[in-house]
């Protein structure tokens, strides 16, 4: 078990020496906001809110269209 750990550590040291593997510290980590800015992604909570808002607007439009359609049909029936 110890031999395997030593081999792994030696391999990591070799990789570090040749700049293939870099140890990350807390200071090296990027914040989520920085990554979102680089990729152009938004916060998932904002995306969900936008989707919900869009769906609500759609539902309201459908309701008014439904009312107008049925109201106009009933008016035509009463006039004949």
Protein backbone atom coordinates (compact mmCIF):
# COMPACT_ATOMS: atom_id res chain seq x y z
CA UNK A 1 0.00 0.00 0.00
CA UNK A 2 2.76 2.44 0.89
CA UNK A 3 4.67 1.58 -2.30
CA UNK A 4 1.65 2.49 -4.41
CA UNK A 5 1.25 5.83 -2.62
CA UNK A 6 4.94 6.62 -3.13
CA UNK A 7 4.64 5.78 -6.84
CA UNK A 8 1.61 8.03 -7.18
CA UNK A 9 3.38 10.88 -5.41
CA UNK A 10 6.45 10.44 -7.60
CA UNK A 11 4.26 10.49 -10.71
CA UNK A 12 2.57 13.70 -9.54
CA UNK A 13 5.94 15.31 -8.85
CA UNK A 14 7.12 14.41 -12.36
CA UNK A 15 3.96 15.84 -13.88
CA UNK A 16 4.35 19.04 -11.86
CA UNK A 17 7.97 19.32 -12.96
CA UNK A 18 6.99 19.27 -16.62
CA UNK A 19 3.99 21.60 -16.08
CA UNK A 20 1.53 18.89 -17.07
CA UNK A 21 -0.26 18.83 -13.73
CA UNK A 22 -0.79 21.83 -11.52
CA UNK A 23 -1.79 21.58 -7.89
CA UNK A 24 -4.80 23.76 -7.19
CA UNK A 25 -5.16 25.76 -4.06
CA UNK A 26 -8.15 27.73 -2.88
CA UNK A 27 -6.64 30.84 -4.42
CA UNK A 28 -6.35 29.12 -7.83
CA UNK A 29 -10.01 28.22 -8.01
CA UNK A 30 -12.24 30.42 -10.12
CA UNK A 31 -15.52 31.69 -8.81
CA UNK A 32 -18.77 30.66 -10.44
CA UNK A 33 -19.44 34.24 -11.52
CA UNK A 34 -16.14 34.40 -13.41
CA UNK A 35 -16.88 31.14 -15.20
CA UNK A 36 -20.41 32.32 -16.11
CA UNK A 37 -19.00 35.55 -17.54
CA UNK A 38 -16.47 33.66 -19.66
CA UNK A 39 -19.01 31.19 -21.00
CA UNK A 40 -21.88 33.68 -21.30
CA UNK A 41 -24.15 31.52 -19.13
CA UNK A 42 -26.63 32.93 -16.68
CA UNK A 43 -27.42 31.91 -13.18
CA UNK A 44 -29.73 28.87 -13.30
CA UNK A 45 -32.17 30.53 -10.90
CA UNK A 46 -32.52 33.47 -13.29
CA UNK A 47 -33.10 31.12 -16.22
CA UNK A 48 -35.85 29.29 -14.31
CA UNK A 49 -37.52 32.59 -13.36
CA UNK A 50 -37.44 33.74 -17.00
CA UNK A 51 -38.97 30.46 -18.15
CA UNK A 52 -41.73 30.69 -15.54
CA UNK A 53 -42.47 34.29 -16.52
CA UNK A 54 -42.63 33.35 -20.20
CA UNK A 55 -44.95 30.44 -19.48
CA UNK A 56 -47.24 32.61 -17.34
CA UNK A 57 -47.49 35.18 -20.14
CA UNK A 58 -48.34 32.40 -22.58
CA UNK A 59 -51.03 31.01 -20.25
CA UNK A 60 -52.58 34.47 -19.82
CA UNK A 61 -52.64 35.03 -23.60
CA UNK A 62 -54.23 31.65 -24.19
CA UNK A 63 -56.91 32.39 -21.57
CA UNK A 64 -57.84 35.73 -23.15
CA UNK A 65 -57.81 34.20 -26.65
CA UNK A 66 -60.06 31.41 -25.40
CA UNK A 67 -62.48 33.90 -23.83
CA UNK A 68 -62.60 36.09 -26.94
CA UNK A 69 -63.15 33.12 -29.20
CA UNK A 70 -66.03 31.69 -27.17
CA UNK A 71 -67.58 35.07 -26.48
CA UNK A 72 -67.65 35.89 -30.20
CA UNK A 73 -69.17 32.50 -31.05
CA UNK A 74 -71.94 32.99 -28.46
CA UNK A 75 -72.72 36.48 -29.78
CA UNK A 76 -73.10 35.21 -33.33
CA UNK A 77 -75.44 32.43 -32.19
CA UNK A 78 -77.69 34.86 -30.32
CA UNK A 79 -77.96 37.23 -33.27
CA UNK A 80 -79.29 34.60 -35.70
